[in-house]
Amino acid sequence: MKNTEFNSLTDKELNEKLASLKSDLFKLRFSHASGSLTNSSELQVCKRNIARVKTVIRQRELGLAKAPEKTVEKKVAENKSAEKKTTKKSAKVDAEVKG
């Protein structure tokens, strides 16, 4: 993942991602030790992603970066609810104009 993708996650999502990456790293280390790891560069990629997540978390703690206010799903849900409200209002206005 890229830094911009990590920056777009909320704090809760970052912590979940960090836990997931740590468990992935454990599995990769175990498979590397047993000799079943085919691509050893996966270890390096996983470690770098962990560092990226920790960096974003620390930046937010220090106030250097802000957490996203709303996720994309929430924005989509709000847009849909706003559209419903505007259609209801326009229906009322149409009824008043006709009546």
Protein backbone atom coordinates (compact mmCIF):
# COMPACT_ATOMS: atom_id res chain seq x y z
CA MET A 1 0.00 0.00 0.00
CA LYS A 2 1.04 3.57 -0.51
CA ASN A 3 1.21 6.30 2.11
CA THR A 4 -1.84 8.04 0.67
CA GLU A 5 -3.88 4.90 1.20
CA PHE A 6 -2.82 4.73 4.84
CA ASN A 7 -3.53 8.45 5.33
CA SER A 8 -7.10 7.95 4.18
CA LEU A 9 -7.82 5.37 6.91
CA THR A 10 -9.34 6.27 10.26
CA ASP A 11 -7.48 5.65 13.51
CA LYS A 12 -9.49 2.51 14.22
CA GLU A 13 -8.82 1.16 10.74
CA LEU A 14 -5.11 1.92 11.12
CA ASN A 15 -4.92 -0.03 14.36
CA GLU A 16 -6.74 -2.96 12.76
CA LYS A 17 -4.38 -2.81 9.77
CA LEU A 18 -1.36 -2.73 12.09
CA ALA A 19 -2.57 -5.83 13.93
CA SER A 20 -3.20 -7.57 10.64
CA LEU A 21 0.24 -6.70 9.30
CA LYS A 22 1.92 -7.89 12.49
CA SER A 23 0.18 -11.25 12.26
CA ASP A 24 1.17 -11.48 8.58
CA LEU A 25 4.78 -10.75 9.53
CA PHE A 26 4.69 -13.49 12.15
CA LYS A 27 3.38 -15.98 9.57
CA LEU A 28 6.01 -14.88 7.05
CA ARG A 29 8.82 -15.24 9.58
CA PHE A 30 7.58 -18.68 10.56
CA SER A 31 7.38 -19.85 6.97
CA HIS A 32 10.83 -18.35 6.27
CA ALA A 33 12.31 -20.23 9.22
CA SER A 34 10.73 -23.48 8.09
CA GLY A 35 12.00 -22.92 4.55
CA SER A 36 8.62 -22.80 2.85
CA LEU A 37 8.73 -19.10 1.99
CA THR A 38 9.22 -18.77 -1.75
CA ASN A 39 9.51 -14.98 -2.01
CA SER A 40 11.64 -13.53 0.78
CA SER A 41 10.97 -9.95 -0.35
CA GLU A 42 7.50 -10.28 1.17
CA LEU A 43 9.15 -9.91 4.58
CA GLN A 44 10.63 -6.56 3.60
CA VAL A 45 7.35 -5.32 2.09
CA CYS A 46 5.44 -6.29 5.23
CA LYS A 47 7.97 -4.58 7.52
CA ARG A 48 7.80 -1.40 5.44
CA ASN A 49 4.01 -1.36 5.56
CA ILE A 50 4.14 -1.74 9.35
CA ALA A 51 6.54 1.22 9.49
CA ARG A 52 4.23 3.27 7.26
CA VAL A 53 1.22 2.58 9.49
CA LYS A 54 3.18 3.41 12.64
CA THR A 55 4.41 6.63 11.04
CA VAL A 56 0.88 7.77 10.20
CA ILE A 57 -0.31 6.92 13.72
CA ARG A 58 2.58 8.88 15.26
CA GLN A 59 2.03 11.87 12.98
CA ARG A 60 -1.57 12.03 14.13
CA GLU A 61 -0.52 11.78 17.77
CA LEU A 62 1.83 14.73 17.31
CA GLY A 63 -0.75 16.73 15.40
CA LEU A 64 1.29 16.79 12.20
CA ALA A 65 -1.44 15.02 10.25
CA LYS A 66 -5.18 14.94 10.62
CA ALA A 67 -7.38 11.88 10.54
CA PRO A 68 -9.95 11.87 7.78
CA GLU A 69 -13.20 13.30 9.05
CA LYS A 70 -15.43 10.92 7.17
CA THR A 71 -14.86 7.74 5.26
CA VAL A 72 -16.01 7.35 1.70
CA GLU A 73 -18.85 5.04 2.74
CA LYS A 74 -20.24 7.64 5.12
CA LYS A 75 -20.02 10.33 2.44
CA VAL A 76 -21.92 8.14 -0.01
CA ALA A 77 -24.60 7.41 2.60
CA GLU A 78 -24.93 11.11 3.41
CA ASN A 79 -25.22 12.01 -0.27
CA LYS A 80 -27.98 9.46 -0.73
CA SER A 81 -29.88 10.78 2.29
CA ALA A 82 -29.43 14.35 1.05
CA GLU A 83 -30.80 13.35 -2.35
CA LYS A 84 -33.85 11.80 -0.69
CA LYS A 85 -34.47 14.98 1.29
CA THR A 86 -34.20 17.20 -1.77
CA THR A 87 -36.57 14.99 -3.76
CA LYS A 88 -39.10 15.12 -0.91
CA LYS A 89 -38.78 18.89 -0.73
CA SER A 90 -39.13 19.27 -4.48
CA ALA A 91 -42.21 17.03 -4.42
CA LYS A 92 -43.76 19.25 -1.74
CA VAL A 93 -42.95 22.38 -3.73
CA ASP A 94 -44.45 20.84 -6.87
CA ALA A 95 -47.60 19.93 -4.94
CA GLU A 96 -47.90 23.47 -3.56
CA VAL A 97 -47.42 24.99 -7.00
CA LYS A 98 -50.09 22.74 -8.53
CA GLY A 99 -52.51 23.08 -5.64
